[in-house]
């Protein structure tokens, strides 16, 4: 998949946001505010994840966790951190 994976995930995020705006029946202003908030959130998540991955490259990670396994652990921990923004209301 290589270079296509980021494009696929970005397209899925954009499509998901469009579907959420339609399902919630937002007007134009609500759609713009919701879309800007989502864009800021996506950017924040990508910047944080990139920074953590850079630090992990320099860290002493066990051989069995290098690469994809530590990326999954990092993504899980970040999702828990972002869950705190919603006051843990699942």
PDB file of N, CA and C in Angstrom:
ATOM      1  N   UNK A   1       0.816  -1.195   0.000  1.00  0.00           N
ATOM      2  CA  UNK A   1       0.000   0.000   0.000  1.00  0.00           C
ATOM      3  C   UNK A   1       0.855   1.253   0.000  1.00  0.00           C
ATOM      4  N   UNK A   2       1.896   1.262   0.794  1.00  0.00           N
ATOM      5  CA  UNK A   2       2.886   2.333   0.762  1.00  0.00           C
ATOM      6  C   UNK A   2       2.317   3.732   0.854  1.00  0.00           C
ATOM      7  N   UNK A   3       2.494   4.489  -0.220  1.00  0.00           N
ATOM      8  CA  UNK A   3       2.115   5.896  -0.233  1.00  0.00           C
ATOM      9  C   UNK A   3       0.592   6.070  -0.288  1.00  0.00           C
ATOM     10  N   UNK A   4      -0.134   5.040  -0.679  1.00  0.00           N
ATOM     11  CA  UNK A   4      -1.583   5.164  -0.831  1.00  0.00           C
ATOM     12  C   UNK A   4      -2.338   5.089   0.487  1.00  0.00           C
ATOM     13  N   UNK A   5      -1.749   4.498   1.518  1.00  0.00           N
ATOM     14  CA  UNK A   5      -2.444   4.359   2.796  1.00  0.00           C
ATOM     15  C   UNK A   5      -2.821   5.707   3.414  1.00  0.00           C
ATOM     16  N   UNK A   6      -1.902   6.690   3.464  1.00  0.00           N
ATOM     17  CA  UNK A   6      -2.328   8.001   3.997  1.00  0.00           C
ATOM     18  C   UNK A   6      -3.437   8.649   3.170  1.00  0.00           C
ATOM     19  N   UNK A   7      -3.408   8.462   1.863  1.00  0.00           N
ATOM     20  CA  UNK A   7      -4.466   9.027   1.021  1.00  0.00           C
ATOM     21  C   UNK A   7      -5.808   8.367   1.301  1.00  0.00           C
ATOM     22  N   UNK A   8      -5.788   7.053   1.487  1.00  0.00           N
ATOM     23  CA  UNK A   8      -7.023   6.329   1.773  1.00  0.00           C
ATOM     24  C   UNK A   8      -7.609   6.775   3.107  1.00  0.00           C
ATOM     25  N   UNK A   9      -6.764   6.883   4.135  1.00  0.00           N
ATOM     26  CA  UNK A   9      -7.269   7.266   5.453  1.00  0.00           C
ATOM     27  C   UNK A   9      -7.778   8.703   5.454  1.00  0.00           C
ATOM     28  N   UNK A  10      -7.110   9.582   4.733  1.00  0.00           N
ATOM     29  CA  UNK A  10      -7.572  10.967   4.653  1.00  0.00           C
ATOM     30  C   UNK A  10      -8.927  11.041   3.951  1.00  0.00           C
ATOM     31  N   UNK A  11      -9.072  10.296   2.869  1.00  0.00           N
ATOM     32  CA  UNK A  11     -10.360  10.281   2.167  1.00  0.00           C
ATOM     33  C   UNK A  11     -11.466   9.729   3.056  1.00  0.00           C
ATOM     34  N   UNK A  12     -11.157   8.703   3.840  1.00  0.00           N
ATOM     35  CA  UNK A  12     -12.157   8.145   4.758  1.00  0.00           C
ATOM     36  C   UNK A  12     -12.553   9.165   5.821  1.00  0.00           C
ATOM     37  N   UNK A  13     -11.591   9.925   6.325  1.00  0.00           N
ATOM     38  CA  UNK A  13     -11.895  10.936   7.334  1.00  0.00           C
ATOM     39  C   UNK A  13     -12.787  12.034   6.750  1.00  0.00           C
ATOM     40  N   UNK A  14     -12.482  12.475   5.543  1.00  0.00           N
ATOM     41  CA  UNK A  14     -13.287  13.518   4.898  1.00  0.00           C
ATOM     42  C   UNK A  14     -14.695  13.005   4.618  1.00  0.00           C
ATOM     43  N   UNK A  15     -14.809  11.790   4.104  1.00  0.00           N
ATOM     44  CA  UNK A  15     -16.124  11.217   3.826  1.00  0.00           C
ATOM     45  C   UNK A  15     -16.917  11.024   5.115  1.00  0.00           C
ATOM     46  N   UNK A  16     -16.253  10.557   6.171  1.00  0.00           N
ATOM     47  CA  UNK A  16     -16.930  10.377   7.455  1.00  0.00           C
ATOM     48  C   UNK A  16     -17.452  11.685   8.012  1.00  0.00           C
ATOM     49  N   UNK A  17     -16.669  12.742   7.884  1.00  0.00           N
ATOM     50  CA  UNK A  17     -17.106  14.052   8.366  1.00  0.00           C
ATOM     51  C   UNK A  17     -18.298  14.564   7.558  1.00  0.00           C
ATOM     52  N   UNK A  18     -18.265  14.361   6.255  1.00  0.00           N
ATOM     53  CA  UNK A  18     -19.399  14.781   5.424  1.00  0.00           C
ATOM     54  C   UNK A  18     -20.668  14.018   5.809  1.00  0.00           C
ATOM     55  N   UNK A  19     -20.527  12.728   6.054  1.00  0.00           N
ATOM     56  CA  UNK A  19     -21.692  11.923   6.446  1.00  0.00           C
ATOM     57  C   UNK A  19     -22.228  12.369   7.802  1.00  0.00           C
ATOM     58  N   UNK A  20     -21.343  12.665   8.748  1.00  0.00           N
ATOM     59  CA  UNK A  20     -21.791  13.146  10.062  1.00  0.00           C
ATOM     60  C   UNK A  20     -22.528  14.476   9.950  1.00  0.00           C
ATOM     61  N   UNK A  21     -22.034  15.369   9.101  1.00  0.00           N
ATOM     62  CA  UNK A  21     -22.709  16.654   8.913  1.00  0.00           C
ATOM     63  C   UNK A  21     -24.104  16.463   8.326  1.00  0.00           C
ATOM     64  N   UNK A  22     -24.242  15.517   7.415  1.00  0.00           N
ATOM     65  CA  UNK A  22     -25.554  15.258   6.812  1.00  0.00           C
ATOM     66  C   UNK A  22     -26.494  14.598   7.821  1.00  0.00           C
ATOM     67  N   UNK A  23     -25.987  13.610   8.570  1.00  0.00           N
ATOM     68  CA  UNK A  23     -26.830  12.913   9.546  1.00  0.00           C
ATOM     69  C   UNK A  23     -27.340  13.842  10.638  1.00  0.00           C
ATOM     70  N   UNK A  24     -26.501  14.780  11.075  1.00  0.00           N
ATOM     71  CA  UNK A  24     -26.902  15.706  12.129  1.00  0.00           C
ATOM     72  C   UNK A  24     -27.712  16.885  11.597  1.00  0.00           C
ATOM     73  N   UNK A  25     -27.910  16.939  10.289  1.00  0.00           N
ATOM     74  CA  UNK A  25     -28.690  17.994   9.635  1.00  0.00           C
ATOM     75  C   UNK A  25     -28.208  19.392  10.032  1.00  0.00           C
ATOM     76  N   UNK A  26     -26.887  19.594   9.948  1.00  0.00           N
ATOM     77  CA  UNK A  26     -26.310  20.901  10.257  1.00  0.00           C
ATOM     78  C   UNK A  26     -26.620  21.887   9.139  1.00  0.00           C
ATOM     79  N   UNK A  27     -26.803  23.161   9.535  1.00  0.00           N
ATOM     80  CA  UNK A  27     -26.924  24.201   8.520  1.00  0.00           C
ATOM     81  C   UNK A  27     -25.511  24.593   8.077  1.00  0.00           C
ATOM     82  N   UNK A  28     -25.405  25.615   7.232  1.00  0.00           N
ATOM     83  CA  UNK A  28     -24.103  25.972   6.659  1.00  0.00           C
ATOM     84  C   UNK A  28     -23.101  26.380   7.735  1.00  0.00           C
ATOM     85  N   UNK A  29     -23.513  27.241   8.663  1.00  0.00           N
ATOM     86  CA  UNK A  29     -22.588  27.724   9.688  1.00  0.00           C
ATOM     87  C   UNK A  29     -22.149  26.585  10.611  1.00  0.00           C
ATOM     88  N   UNK A  30     -23.073  25.739  11.004  1.00  0.00           N
ATOM     89  CA  UNK A  30     -22.724  24.606  11.868  1.00  0.00           C
ATOM     90  C   UNK A  30     -21.784  23.637  11.149  1.00  0.00           C
ATOM     91  N   UNK A  31     -22.002  23.451   9.857  1.00  0.00           N
ATOM     92  CA  UNK A  31     -21.130  22.579   9.074  1.00  0.00           C
ATOM     93  C   UNK A  31     -19.722  23.147   8.998  1.00  0.00           C
ATOM     94  N   UNK A  32     -19.605  24.449   8.790  1.00  0.00           N
ATOM     95  CA  UNK A  32     -18.288  25.082   8.709  1.00  0.00           C
ATOM     96  C   UNK A  32     -17.563  24.972  10.041  1.00  0.00           C
ATOM     97  N   UNK A  33     -18.253  25.260  11.133  1.00  0.00           N
ATOM     98  CA  UNK A  33     -17.629  25.183  12.457  1.00  0.00           C
ATOM     99  C   UNK A  33     -17.234  23.745  12.781  1.00  0.00           C
ATOM    100  N   UNK A  34     -18.112  22.800  12.492  1.00  0.00           N
ATOM    101  CA  UNK A  34     -17.813  21.392  12.749  1.00  0.00           C
ATOM    102  C   UNK A  34     -16.621  20.928  11.912  1.00  0.00           C
ATOM    103  N   UNK A  35     -16.570  21.333  10.659  1.00  0.00           N
ATOM    104  CA  UNK A  35     -15.477  20.932   9.778  1.00  0.00           C
ATOM    105  C   UNK A  35     -14.153  21.539  10.209  1.00  0.00           C
ATOM    106  N   UNK A  36     -14.176  22.804  10.620  1.00  0.00           N
ATOM    107  CA  UNK A  36     -12.940  23.429  11.106  1.00  0.00           C
ATOM    108  C   UNK A  36     -12.456  22.767  12.394  1.00  0.00           C
ATOM    109  N   UNK A  37     -13.379  22.460  13.286  1.00  0.00           N
ATOM    110  CA  UNK A  37     -13.001  21.766  14.517  1.00  0.00           C
ATOM    111  C   UNK A  37     -12.411  20.395  14.244  1.00  0.00           C
ATOM    112  N   UNK A  38     -13.012  19.675  13.304  1.00  0.00           N
ATOM    113  CA  UNK A  38     -12.490  18.354  12.944  1.00  0.00           C
ATOM    114  C   UNK A  38     -11.114  18.473  12.300  1.00  0.00           C
ATOM    115  N   UNK A  39     -10.929  19.474  11.452  1.00  0.00           N
ATOM    116  CA  UNK A  39      -9.627  19.666  10.810  1.00  0.00           C
ATOM    117  C   UNK A  39      -8.548  19.977  11.840  1.00  0.00           C
ATOM    118  N   UNK A  40      -8.880  20.814  12.810  1.00  0.00           N
ATOM    119  CA  UNK A  40      -7.919  21.120  13.877  1.00  0.00           C
ATOM    120  C   UNK A  40      -7.613  19.866  14.686  1.00  0.00           C
ATOM    121  N   UNK A  41      -8.629  19.076  14.974  1.00  0.00           N
ATOM    122  CA  UNK A  41      -8.428  17.833  15.718  1.00  0.00           C
ATOM    123  C   UNK A  41      -7.574  16.835  14.958  1.00  0.00           C
ATOM    124  N   UNK A  42      -7.841  16.659  13.654  1.00  0.00           N
ATOM    125  CA  UNK A  42      -7.040  15.748  12.841  1.00  0.00           C
ATOM    126  C   UNK A  42      -5.590  16.213  12.787  1.00  0.00           C
ATOM    127  N   UNK A  43      -5.386  17.520  12.609  1.00  0.00           N
ATOM    128  CA  UNK A  43      -4.030  18.057  12.553  1.00  0.00           C
ATOM    129  C   UNK A  43      -3.307  17.844  13.870  1.00  0.00           C
ATOM    130  N   UNK A  44      -3.983  18.100  14.967  1.00  0.00           N
ATOM    131  CA  UNK A  44      -3.385  17.891  16.286  1.00  0.00           C
ATOM    132  C   UNK A  44      -2.985  16.432  16.484  1.00  0.00           C
ATOM    133  N   UNK A  45      -3.855  15.519  16.094  1.00  0.00           N
ATOM    134  CA  UNK A  45      -3.555  14.095  16.248  1.00  0.00           C
ATOM    135  C   UNK A  45      -2.361  13.684  15.392  1.00  0.00           C
ATOM    136  N   UNK A  46      -2.291  14.160  14.167  1.00  0.00           N
ATOM    137  CA  UNK A  46      -1.187  13.801  13.280  1.00  0.00           C
ATOM    138  C   UNK A  46       0.129  14.371  13.790  1.00  0.00           C
ATOM    139  N   UNK A  47       0.117  15.623  14.236  1.00  0.00           N
ATOM    140  CA  UNK A  47       1.345  16.242  14.752  1.00  0.00           C
ATOM    141  C   UNK A  47       1.819  15.525  16.011  1.00  0.00           C
ATOM    142  N   UNK A  48       0.896  15.218  16.911  1.00  0.00           N
ATOM    143  CA  UNK A  48       1.279  14.499  18.129  1.00  0.00           C
ATOM    144  C   UNK A  48       1.822  13.113  17.814  1.00  0.00           C
ATOM    145  N   UNK A  49       1.156  12.403  16.917  1.00  0.00           N
ATOM    146  CA  UNK A  49       1.599  11.056  16.567  1.00  0.00           C
ATOM    147  C   UNK A  49       2.965  11.085  15.882  1.00  0.00           C
ATOM    148  N   UNK A  50       3.198  12.071  15.016  1.00  0.00           N
ATOM    149  CA  UNK A  50       4.501  12.190  14.352  1.00  0.00           C
ATOM    150  C   UNK A  50       5.599  12.500  15.361  1.00  0.00           C
ATOM    151  N   UNK A  51       5.308  13.376  16.316  1.00  0.00           N
ATOM    152  CA  UNK A  51       6.296  13.691  17.347  1.00  0.00           C
ATOM    153  C   UNK A  51       6.632  12.497  18.214  1.00  0.00           C
ATOM    154  N   UNK A  52       5.612  11.726  18.558  1.00  0.00           N
ATOM    155  CA  UNK A  52       5.848  10.534  19.376  1.00  0.00           C
ATOM    156  C   UNK A  52       6.651   9.508  18.592  1.00  0.00           C
ATOM    157  N   UNK A  53       6.342   9.336  17.304  1.00  0.00           N
ATOM    158  CA  UNK A  53       7.100   8.378  16.489  1.00  0.00           C
ATOM    159  C   UNK A  53       8.559   8.794  16.350  1.00  0.00           C
ATOM    160  N   UNK A  54       8.817  10.091  16.243  1.00  0.00           N
ATOM    161  CA  UNK A  54      10.203  10.566  16.179  1.00  0.00           C
ATOM    162  C   UNK A  54      10.952  10.236  17.463  1.00  0.00           C
ATOM    163  N   UNK A  55      10.286  10.444  18.593  1.00  0.00           N
ATOM    164  CA  UNK A  55      10.927  10.134  19.873  1.00  0.00           C
ATOM    165  C   UNK A  55      11.131   8.641  20.049  1.00  0.00           C
ATOM    166  N   UNK A  56      10.206   7.836  19.535  1.00  0.00           N
ATOM    167  CA  UNK A  56      10.337   6.384  19.656  1.00  0.00           C
ATOM    168  C   UNK A  56      11.490   5.841  18.821  1.00  0.00           C
ATOM    169  N   UNK A  57      11.830   6.529  17.725  1.00  0.00           N
ATOM    170  CA  UNK A  57      12.967   6.088  16.921  1.00  0.00           C
ATOM    171  C   UNK A  57      14.269   6.207  17.695  1.00  0.00           C
ATOM    172  N   UNK A  58      14.346   7.158  18.603  1.00  0.00           N
ATOM    173  CA  UNK A  58      15.555   7.354  19.402  1.00  0.00           C
ATOM    174  C   UNK A  58      15.514   6.588  20.714  1.00  0.00           C
ATOM    175  N   UNK A  59      14.349   6.068  21.084  1.00  0.00           N
ATOM    176  CA  UNK A  59      14.193   5.378  22.364  1.00  0.00           C
ATOM    177  C   UNK A  59      14.702   3.941  22.268  1.00  0.00           C
ATOM    178  N   UNK A  60      15.002   3.392  23.429  1.00  0.00           N
ATOM    179  CA  UNK A  60      15.468   2.010  23.515  1.00  0.00           C
ATOM    180  C   UNK A  60      14.249   1.092  23.647  1.00  0.00           C
ATOM    181  N   UNK A  61      13.667   0.739  22.507  1.00  0.00           N
ATOM    182  CA  UNK A  61      12.474  -0.102  22.465  1.00  0.00           C
ATOM    183  C   UNK A  61      12.919  -1.546  22.244  1.00  0.00           C
ATOM    184  N   UNK A  62      12.329  -2.511  22.969  1.00  0.00           N
ATOM    185  CA  UNK A  62      12.680  -3.917  22.731  1.00  0.00           C
ATOM    186  C   UNK A  62      12.457  -4.305  21.265  1.00  0.00           C
ATOM    187  N   UNK A  63      13.281  -5.200  20.781  1.00  0.00           N
ATOM    188  CA  UNK A  63      13.235  -5.592  19.368  1.00  0.00           C
ATOM    189  C   UNK A  63      11.859  -6.106  18.944  1.00  0.00           C
ATOM    190  N   UNK A  64      11.188  -6.819  19.834  1.00  0.00           N
ATOM    191  CA  UNK A  64       9.881  -7.386  19.481  1.00  0.00           C
ATOM    192  C   UNK A  64       8.789  -6.322  19.351  1.00  0.00           C
ATOM    193  N   UNK A  65       9.017  -5.127  19.875  1.00  0.00           N
ATOM    194  CA  UNK A  65       8.017  -4.059  19.803  1.00  0.00           C
ATOM    195  C   UNK A  65       8.334  -3.000  18.756  1.00  0.00           C
ATOM    196  N   UNK A  66       9.471  -3.092  18.083  1.00  0.00           N
ATOM    197  CA  UNK A  66       9.846  -2.067  17.105  1.00  0.00           C
ATOM    198  C   UNK A  66       8.919  -2.091  15.903  1.00  0.00           C
ATOM    199  N   UNK A  67       8.667  -0.919  15.379  1.00  0.00           N
ATOM    200  CA  UNK A  67       7.852  -0.800  14.176  1.00  0.00           C
ATOM    201  C   UNK A  67       6.363  -0.756  14.458  1.00  0.00           C
ATOM    202  N   UNK A  68       5.637  -1.658  13.821  1.00  0.00           N
ATOM    203  CA  UNK A  68       4.177  -1.648  13.888  1.00  0.00           C
ATOM    204  C   UNK A  68       3.619  -1.894  15.288  1.00  0.00           C
ATOM    205  N   UNK A  69       4.171  -2.836  16.085  1.00  0.00           N
ATOM    206  CA  UNK A  69       3.599  -3.051  17.423  1.00  0.00           C
ATOM    207  C   UNK A  69       3.638  -1.810  18.313  1.00  0.00           C
ATOM    208  N   UNK A  70       4.743  -1.092  18.319  1.00  0.00           N
ATOM    209  CA  UNK A  70       4.824   0.105  19.168  1.00  0.00           C
ATOM    210  C   UNK A  70       3.927   1.210  18.605  1.00  0.00           C
ATOM    211  N   UNK A  71       3.720   1.220  17.279  1.00  0.00           N
ATOM    212  CA  UNK A  71       2.802   2.197  16.683  1.00  0.00           C
ATOM    213  C   UNK A  71       1.367   1.918  17.132  1.00  0.00           C
ATOM    214  N   UNK A  72       0.989   0.642  17.216  1.00  0.00           N
ATOM    215  CA  UNK A  72      -0.349   0.297  17.700  1.00  0.00           C
ATOM    216  C   UNK A  72      -0.529   0.681  19.161  1.00  0.00           C
ATOM    217  N   UNK A  73       0.480   0.415  19.972  1.00  0.00           N
ATOM    218  CA  UNK A  73       0.412   0.783  21.388  1.00  0.00           C
ATOM    219  C   UNK A  73       0.290   2.294  21.526  1.00  0.00           C
ATOM    220  N   UNK A  74       1.073   3.021  20.749  1.00  0.00           N
ATOM    221  CA  UNK A  74       1.026   4.481  20.783  1.00  0.00           C
ATOM    222  C   UNK A  74      -0.344   4.998  20.352  1.00  0.00           C
ATOM    223  N   UNK A  75      -0.899   4.431  19.289  1.00  0.00           N
ATOM    224  CA  UNK A  75      -2.227   4.853  18.826  1.00  0.00           C
ATOM    225  C   UNK A  75      -3.287   4.573  19.885  1.00  0.00           C
ATOM    226  N   UNK A  76      -3.181   3.440  20.560  1.00  0.00           N
ATOM    227  CA  UNK A  76      -4.129   3.119  21.629  1.00  0.00           C
ATOM    228  C   UNK A  76      -4.040   4.089  22.787  1.00  0.00           C
ATOM    229  N   UNK A  77      -2.816   4.417  23.188  1.00  0.00           N
ATOM    230  CA  UNK A  77      -2.645   5.371  24.289  1.00  0.00           C
ATOM    231  C   UNK A  77      -3.129   6.763  23.903  1.00  0.00           C
ATOM    232  N   UNK A  78      -2.886   7.158  22.643  1.00  0.00           N
ATOM    233  CA  UNK A  78      -3.379   8.461  22.197  1.00  0.00           C
ATOM    234  C   UNK A  78      -4.900   8.486  22.151  1.00  0.00           C
ATOM    235  N   UNK A  79      -5.516   7.382  21.748  1.00  0.00           N
ATOM    236  CA  UNK A  79      -6.982   7.357  21.707  1.00  0.00           C
ATOM    237  C   UNK A  79      -7.562   7.463  23.106  1.00  0.00           C
ATOM    238  N   UNK A  80      -6.896   6.863  24.079  1.00  0.00           N
ATOM    239  CA  UNK A  80      -7.344   6.998  25.469  1.00  0.00           C
ATOM    240  C   UNK A  80      -7.208   8.451  25.924  1.00  0.00           C
ATOM    241  N   UNK A  81      -6.113   9.103  25.531  1.00  0.00           N
ATOM    242  CA  UNK A  81      -5.917  10.505  25.904  1.00  0.00           C
ATOM    243  C   UNK A  81      -6.997  11.393  25.284  1.00  0.00           C
ATOM    244  N   UNK A  82      -7.325  11.167  24.007  1.00  0.00           N
ATOM    245  CA  UNK A  82      -8.363  11.966  23.359  1.00  0.00           C
ATOM    246  C   UNK A  82      -9.743  11.636  23.900  1.00  0.00           C
ATOM    247  N   UNK A  83      -9.927  10.438  24.423  1.00  0.00           N
ATOM    248  CA  UNK A  83     -11.197  10.077  25.043  1.00  0.00           C
ATOM    249  C   UNK A  83     -11.463  10.961  26.258  1.00  0.00           C
ATOM    250  N   UNK A  84     -10.403  11.436  26.899  1.00  0.00           N
ATOM    251  CA  UNK A  84     -10.549  12.335  28.035  1.00  0.00           C
ATOM    252  C   UNK A  84     -11.214  13.651  27.661  1.00  0.00           C
ATOM    253  N   UNK A  85     -11.082  14.067  26.384  1.00  0.00           N
ATOM    254  CA  UNK A  85     -11.734  15.299  25.946  1.00  0.00           C
ATOM    255  C   UNK A  85     -13.251  15.168  25.954  1.00  0.00           C
ATOM    256  N   UNK A  86     -13.744  13.959  25.797  1.00  0.00           N
ATOM    257  CA  UNK A  86     -15.193  13.754  25.797  1.00  0.00           C
ATOM    258  C   UNK A  86     -15.706  13.386  27.185  1.00  0.00           C
ATOM    259  N   UNK A  87     -14.910  13.585  28.202  1.00  0.00           N
ATOM    260  CA  UNK A  87     -15.260  13.314  29.605  1.00  0.00           C
ATOM    261  C   UNK A  87     -15.653  11.862  29.835  1.00  0.00           C
ATOM    262  N   UNK A  88     -15.017  10.982  29.078  1.00  0.00           N
ATOM    263  CA  UNK A  88     -15.216   9.542  29.214  1.00  0.00           C
ATOM    264  C   UNK A  88     -16.667   9.121  29.060  1.00  0.00           C
ATOM    265  N   UNK A  89     -17.433   9.831  28.278  1.00  0.00           N
ATOM    266  CA  UNK A  89     -18.823   9.443  28.031  1.00  0.00           C
ATOM    267  C   UNK A  89     -18.876   8.613  26.755  1.00  0.00           C
ATOM    268  N   UNK A  90     -18.898   7.327  26.928  1.00  0.00           N
ATOM    269  CA  UNK A  90     -18.886   6.417  25.776  1.00  0.00           C
ATOM    270  C   UNK A  90     -20.317   6.087  25.394  1.00  0.00           C
TER     271      UNK A  90
END
